[in-house]
PDB file of N, CA and C in Angstrom:
ATOM      1  N   MET A   1      23.657  66.062-118.519  1.00  0.00           N
ATOM      2  CA  MET A   1      24.563  66.547-117.471  1.00  0.00           C
ATOM      3  C   MET A   1      23.941  66.327-116.095  1.00  0.00           C
ATOM      4  N   LEU A   2      22.641  66.560-115.980  1.00  0.00           N
ATOM      5  CA  LEU A   2      21.977  66.360-114.692  1.00  0.00           C
ATOM      6  C   LEU A   2      22.025  64.901-114.280  1.00  0.00           C
ATOM      7  N   LEU A   3      21.761  64.020-115.246  1.00  0.00           N
ATOM      8  CA  LEU A   3      21.827  62.579-114.968  1.00  0.00           C
ATOM      9  C   LEU A   3      23.239  62.175-114.569  1.00  0.00           C
ATOM     10  N   ALA A   4      24.225  62.717-115.267  1.00  0.00           N
ATOM     11  CA  ALA A   4      25.616  62.377-114.969  1.00  0.00           C
ATOM     12  C   ALA A   4      25.983  62.800-113.558  1.00  0.00           C
ATOM     13  N   CYS A   5      25.594  63.995-113.169  1.00  0.00           N
ATOM     14  CA  CYS A   5      25.963  64.473-111.834  1.00  0.00           C
ATOM     15  C   CYS A   5      25.107  63.832-110.747  1.00  0.00           C
ATOM     16  N   LYS A   6      23.921  63.333-111.116  1.00  0.00           N
ATOM     17  CA  LYS A   6      23.149  62.559-110.147  1.00  0.00           C
ATOM     18  C   LYS A   6      23.858  61.230-109.884  1.00  0.00           C
ATOM     19  N   ASN A   7      24.424  60.661-110.929  1.00  0.00           N
ATOM     20  CA  ASN A   7      25.173  59.414-110.777  1.00  0.00           C
ATOM     21  C   ASN A   7      26.535  59.630-110.138  1.00  0.00           C
ATOM     22  N   LEU A   8      26.983  60.885-110.099  1.00  0.00           N
ATOM     23  CA  LEU A   8      28.230  61.217-109.413  1.00  0.00           C
ATOM     24  C   LEU A   8      28.171  60.808-107.952  1.00  0.00           C
ATOM     25  N   ILE A   9      27.019  61.014-107.321  1.00  0.00           N
ATOM     26  CA  ILE A   9      26.856  60.627-105.919  1.00  0.00           C
ATOM     27  C   ILE A   9      27.030  59.123-105.761  1.00  0.00           C
ATOM     28  N   LEU A  10      26.504  58.355-106.721  1.00  0.00           N
ATOM     29  CA  LEU A  10      26.642  56.908-106.668  1.00  0.00           C
ATOM     30  C   LEU A  10      28.093  56.475-106.787  1.00  0.00           C
ATOM     31  N   SER A  11      28.920  57.264-107.496  1.00  0.00           N
ATOM     32  CA  SER A  11      30.297  56.849-107.756  1.00  0.00           C
ATOM     33  C   SER A  11      31.138  56.825-106.489  1.00  0.00           C
ATOM     34  N   PHE A  12      30.704  57.512-105.429  1.00  0.00           N
ATOM     35  CA  PHE A  12      31.463  57.481-104.182  1.00  0.00           C
ATOM     36  C   PHE A  12      31.354  56.137-103.477  1.00  0.00           C
ATOM     37  N   HIS A  13      30.336  55.335-103.831  1.00  0.00           N
ATOM     38  CA  HIS A  13      30.166  54.034-103.208  1.00  0.00           C
ATOM     39  C   HIS A  13      30.967  52.948-103.906  1.00  0.00           C
ATOM     40  N   PHE A  14      31.649  53.292-105.002  1.00  0.00           N
ATOM     41  CA  PHE A  14      32.422  52.332-105.777  1.00  0.00           C
ATOM     42  C   PHE A  14      33.860  52.799-105.846  1.00  0.00           C
ATOM     43  N   PRO A  15      34.793  51.925-106.173  1.00  0.00           N
ATOM     44  CA  PRO A  15      36.173  52.360-106.415  1.00  0.00           C
ATOM     45  C   PRO A  15      36.233  53.391-107.535  1.00  0.00           C
ATOM     46  N   ALA A  16      37.236  54.258-107.467  1.00  0.00           N
ATOM     47  CA  ALA A  16      37.298  55.404-108.383  1.00  0.00           C
ATOM     48  C   ALA A  16      37.405  54.965-109.840  1.00  0.00           C
ATOM     49  N   GLY A  17      38.107  53.877-110.112  1.00  0.00           N
ATOM     50  CA  GLY A  17      38.328  53.462-111.486  1.00  0.00           C
ATOM     51  C   GLY A  17      37.257  52.552-112.039  1.00  0.00           C
ATOM     52  N   LYS A  18      36.214  52.276-111.272  1.00  0.00           N
ATOM     53  CA  LYS A  18      35.192  51.327-111.735  1.00  0.00           C
ATOM     54  C   LYS A  18      34.392  51.920-112.879  1.00  0.00           C
ATOM     55  N   ARG A  19      34.231  51.139-113.939  1.00  0.00           N
ATOM     56  CA  ARG A  19      33.444  51.588-115.087  1.00  0.00           C
ATOM     57  C   ARG A  19      32.050  51.012-114.990  1.00  0.00           C
ATOM     58  N   PHE A  20      31.046  51.866-115.218  1.00  0.00           N
ATOM     59  CA  PHE A  20      29.657  51.455-115.076  1.00  0.00           C
ATOM     60  C   PHE A  20      29.088  51.005-116.415  1.00  0.00           C
ATOM     61  N   GLU A  21      29.836  50.164-117.126  1.00  0.00           N
ATOM     62  CA  GLU A  21      29.418  49.781-118.475  1.00  0.00           C
ATOM     63  C   GLU A  21      28.205  48.859-118.453  1.00  0.00           C
ATOM     64  N   ASP A  22      27.928  48.231-117.321  1.00  0.00           N
ATOM     65  CA  ASP A  22      26.729  47.403-117.237  1.00  0.00           C
ATOM     66  C   ASP A  22      25.468  48.258-117.204  1.00  0.00           C
ATOM     67  N   SER A  23      25.540  49.469-116.639  1.00  0.00           N
ATOM     68  CA  SER A  23      24.353  50.322-116.568  1.00  0.00           C
ATOM     69  C   SER A  23      24.374  51.455-117.588  1.00  0.00           C
ATOM     70  N   TRP A  24      25.553  51.826-118.086  1.00  0.00           N
ATOM     71  CA  TRP A  24      25.663  52.866-119.108  1.00  0.00           C
ATOM     72  C   TRP A  24      26.258  52.263-120.363  1.00  0.00           C
ATOM     73  N   ASN A  25      25.896  52.787-121.516  1.00  0.00           N
ATOM     74  CA  ASN A  25      26.678  52.427-122.692  1.00  0.00           C
ATOM     75  C   ASN A  25      27.921  53.303-122.758  1.00  0.00           C
ATOM     76  N   ARG A  26      28.802  52.986-123.702  1.00  0.00           N
ATOM     77  CA  ARG A  26      30.125  53.618-123.721  1.00  0.00           C
ATOM     78  C   ARG A  26      30.056  55.141-123.883  1.00  0.00           C
ATOM     79  N   GLY A  27      29.215  55.605-124.801  1.00  0.00           N
ATOM     80  CA  GLY A  27      29.140  57.042-125.062  1.00  0.00           C
ATOM     81  C   GLY A  27      28.642  57.822-123.860  1.00  0.00           C
ATOM     82  N   LYS A  28      27.639  57.300-123.172  1.00  0.00           N
ATOM     83  CA  LYS A  28      27.148  57.959-121.962  1.00  0.00           C
ATOM     84  C   LYS A  28      28.243  58.023-120.919  1.00  0.00           C
ATOM     85  N   TYR A  29      29.021  56.957-120.789  1.00  0.00           N
ATOM     86  CA  TYR A  29      30.077  56.945-119.781  1.00  0.00           C
ATOM     87  C   TYR A  29      31.158  57.964-120.088  1.00  0.00           C
ATOM     88  N   GLU A  30      31.509  58.090-121.375  1.00  0.00           N
ATOM     89  CA  GLU A  30      32.544  59.074-121.745  1.00  0.00           C
ATOM     90  C   GLU A  30      32.061  60.488-121.451  1.00  0.00           C
ATOM     91  N   ARG A  31      30.793  60.793-121.764  1.00  0.00           N
ATOM     92  CA  ARG A  31      30.268  62.125-121.453  1.00  0.00           C
ATOM     93  C   ARG A  31      30.237  62.358-119.949  1.00  0.00           C
ATOM     94  N   TYR A  32      29.888  61.317-119.209  1.00  0.00           N
ATOM     95  CA  TYR A  32      29.878  61.408-117.745  1.00  0.00           C
ATOM     96  C   TYR A  32      31.257  61.736-117.209  1.00  0.00           C
ATOM     97  N   GLU A  33      32.282  61.071-117.759  1.00  0.00           N
ATOM     98  CA  GLU A  33      33.647  61.325-117.314  1.00  0.00           C
ATOM     99  C   GLU A  33      34.040  62.779-117.571  1.00  0.00           C
ATOM    100  N   LYS A  34      33.738  63.282-118.772  1.00  0.00           N
ATOM    101  CA  LYS A  34      34.107  64.661-119.093  1.00  0.00           C
ATOM    102  C   LYS A  34      33.367  65.653-118.211  1.00  0.00           C
ATOM    103  N   THR A  35      32.085  65.386-117.956  1.00  0.00           N
ATOM    104  CA  THR A  35      31.276  66.340-117.184  1.00  0.00           C
ATOM    105  C   THR A  35      31.680  66.352-115.724  1.00  0.00           C
ATOM    106  N   CYS A  36      31.900  65.180-115.142  1.00  0.00           N
ATOM    107  CA  CYS A  36      31.938  65.082-113.691  1.00  0.00           C
ATOM    108  C   CYS A  36      33.281  64.699-113.093  1.00  0.00           C
ATOM    109  N   SER A  37      34.299  64.474-113.910  1.00  0.00           N
ATOM    110  CA  SER A  37      35.577  64.107-113.309  1.00  0.00           C
ATOM    111  C   SER A  37      36.136  65.262-112.477  1.00  0.00           C
ATOM    112  N   LEU A  38      35.974  66.490-112.968  1.00  0.00           N
ATOM    113  CA  LEU A  38      36.468  67.655-112.230  1.00  0.00           C
ATOM    114  C   LEU A  38      35.698  67.849-110.940  1.00  0.00           C
ATOM    115  N   SER A  39      34.359  67.781-111.021  1.00  0.00           N
ATOM    116  CA  SER A  39      33.564  67.985-109.808  1.00  0.00           C
ATOM    117  C   SER A  39      33.788  66.851-108.817  1.00  0.00           C
ATOM    118  N   ARG A  40      34.011  65.626-109.332  1.00  0.00           N
ATOM    119  CA  ARG A  40      34.291  64.524-108.426  1.00  0.00           C
ATOM    120  C   ARG A  40      35.625  64.754-107.719  1.00  0.00           C
ATOM    121  N   ARG A  41      36.606  65.284-108.450  1.00  0.00           N
ATOM    122  CA  ARG A  41      37.899  65.583-107.840  1.00  0.00           C
ATOM    123  C   ARG A  41      37.753  66.654-106.762  1.00  0.00           C
ATOM    124  N   ILE A  42      36.995  67.720-107.076  1.00  0.00           N
ATOM    125  CA  ILE A  42      36.777  68.797-106.099  1.00  0.00           C
ATOM    126  C   ILE A  42      36.055  68.259-104.867  1.00  0.00           C
ATOM    127  N   LEU A  43      35.008  67.459-105.089  1.00  0.00           N
ATOM    128  CA  LEU A  43      34.273  66.894-103.964  1.00  0.00           C
ATOM    129  C   LEU A  43      35.151  65.970-103.136  1.00  0.00           C
ATOM    130  N   GLY A  44      36.022  65.218-103.797  1.00  0.00           N
ATOM    131  CA  GLY A  44      36.931  64.349-103.066  1.00  0.00           C
ATOM    132  C   GLY A  44      37.888  65.131-102.194  1.00  0.00           C
ATOM    133  N   ILE A  45      38.430  66.230-102.730  1.00  0.00           N
ATOM    134  CA  ILE A  45      39.333  67.084-101.950  1.00  0.00           C
ATOM    135  C   ILE A  45      38.587  67.673-100.761  1.00  0.00           C
ATOM    136  N   MET A  46      37.365  68.166-101.013  1.00  0.00           N
ATOM    137  CA  MET A  46      36.569  68.732 -99.919  1.00  0.00           C
ATOM    138  C   MET A  46      36.283  67.685 -98.856  1.00  0.00           C
ATOM    139  N   ASN A  47      35.962  66.471 -99.289  1.00  0.00           N
ATOM    140  CA  ASN A  47      35.646  65.395 -98.348  1.00  0.00           C
ATOM    141  C   ASN A  47      36.863  65.057 -97.502  1.00  0.00           C
ATOM    142  N   ASN A  48      38.046  64.979 -98.123  1.00  0.00           N
ATOM    143  CA  ASN A  48      39.266  64.677 -97.370  1.00  0.00           C
ATOM    144  C   ASN A  48      39.578  65.767 -96.354  1.00  0.00           C
ATOM    145  N   ASN A  49      39.415  67.033 -96.760  1.00  0.00           N
ATOM    146  CA  ASN A  49      39.652  68.135 -95.841  1.00  0.00           C
ATOM    147  C   ASN A  49      38.674  68.097 -94.680  1.00  0.00           C
ATOM    148  N   TYR A  50      37.423  67.751 -94.981  1.00  0.00           N
ATOM    149  CA  TYR A  50      36.400  67.686 -93.946  1.00  0.00           C
ATOM    150  C   TYR A  50      36.748  66.610 -92.920  1.00  0.00           C
ATOM    151  N   GLN A  51      37.188  65.446 -93.392  1.00  0.00           N
ATOM    152  CA  GLN A  51      37.589  64.383 -92.481  1.00  0.00           C
ATOM    153  C   GLN A  51      38.770  64.832 -91.614  1.00  0.00           C
ATOM    154  N   ALA A  52      39.722  65.525 -92.219  1.00  0.00           N
ATOM    155  CA  ALA A  52      40.892  65.990 -91.466  1.00  0.00           C
ATOM    156  C   ALA A  52      40.492  66.985 -90.387  1.00  0.00           C
ATOM    157  N   ILE A  53      39.584  67.909 -90.726  1.00  0.00           N
ATOM    158  CA  ILE A  53      39.133  68.910 -89.754  1.00  0.00           C
ATOM    159  C   ILE A  53      38.413  68.239 -88.596  1.00  0.00           C
ATOM    160  N   ILE A  54      37.535  67.271 -88.909  1.00  0.00           N
ATOM    161  CA  ILE A  54      36.793  66.574 -87.848  1.00  0.00           C
ATOM    162  C   ILE A  54      37.756  65.854 -86.908  1.00  0.00           C
ATOM    163  N   SER A  55      38.711  65.121 -87.475  1.00  0.00           N
ATOM    164  CA  SER A  55      39.637  64.368 -86.619  1.00  0.00           C
ATOM    165  C   SER A  55      40.508  65.314 -85.793  1.00  0.00           C
ATOM    166  N   PHE A  56      40.903  66.463 -86.379  1.00  0.00           N
ATOM    167  CA  PHE A  56      41.690  67.440 -85.625  1.00  0.00           C
ATOM    168  C   PHE A  56      40.886  67.974 -84.443  1.00  0.00           C
ATOM    169  N   LYS A  57      39.622  68.320 -84.686  1.00  0.00           N
ATOM    170  CA  LYS A  57      38.777  68.836 -83.605  1.00  0.00           C
ATOM    171  C   LYS A  57      38.612  67.805 -82.498  1.00  0.00           C
ATOM    172  N   LEU A  58      38.381  66.556 -82.887  1.00  0.00           N
ATOM    173  CA  LEU A  58      38.205  65.510 -81.884  1.00  0.00           C
ATOM    174  C   LEU A  58      39.470  65.351 -81.048  1.00  0.00           C
ATOM    175  N   ASN A  59      40.625  65.312 -81.714  1.00  0.00           N
ATOM    176  CA  ASN A  59      41.887  65.159 -80.979  1.00  0.00           C
ATOM    177  C   ASN A  59      42.174  66.371 -80.105  1.00  0.00           C
ATOM    178  N   PHE A  60      41.893  67.560 -80.651  1.00  0.00           N
ATOM    179  CA  PHE A  60      42.214  68.791 -79.931  1.00  0.00           C
ATOM    180  C   PHE A  60      41.377  68.921 -78.669  1.00  0.00           C
ATOM    181  N   PHE A  61      40.072  68.687 -78.794  1.00  0.00           N
ATOM    182  CA  PHE A  61      39.195  68.898 -77.647  1.00  0.00           C
ATOM    183  C   PHE A  61      39.231  67.737 -76.661  1.00  0.00           C
ATOM    184  N   SER A  62      39.685  66.563 -77.095  1.00  0.00           N
ATOM    185  CA  SER A  62      39.774  65.447 -76.150  1.00  0.00           C
ATOM    186  C   SER A  62      40.900  65.679 -75.137  1.00  0.00           C
ATOM    187  N   ARG A  63      41.849  66.559 -75.451  1.00  0.00           N
ATOM    188  CA  ARG A  63      42.926  66.873 -74.500  1.00  0.00           C
ATOM    189  C   ARG A  63      42.387  67.573 -73.256  1.00  0.00           C
ATOM    190  N   PHE A  64      41.362  68.403 -73.457  1.00  0.00           N
ATOM    191  CA  PHE A  64      40.826  69.163 -72.328  1.00  0.00           C
ATOM    192  C   PHE A  64      39.914  68.314 -71.451  1.00  0.00           C
ATOM    193  N   ASP A  65      39.404  67.204 -72.010  1.00  0.00           N
ATOM    194  CA  ASP A  65      38.496  66.358 -71.235  1.00  0.00           C
ATOM    195  C   ASP A  65      39.232  65.502 -70.208  1.00  0.00           C
ATOM    196  N   GLN A  66      40.517  65.291 -70.432  1.00  0.00           N
ATOM    197  CA  GLN A  66      41.259  64.384 -69.540  1.00  0.00           C
ATOM    198  C   GLN A  66      41.533  65.008 -68.177  1.00  0.00           C
TER     199      GLN A  66
END
């Protein structure tokens, strides 16, 4: 599980559907999917919200600078 979630960070640098069969065998990949698909989804939602908040702040405060 620790190895799977360590590789979770690497998965953000690749497309979501990419299979890492060159570095993992099939069974390891299936366990990785079960362990980390939920946390990857949560992290993705958090990341999207974070980007939205940053862009909102930039747009909001740039109005006062003009």
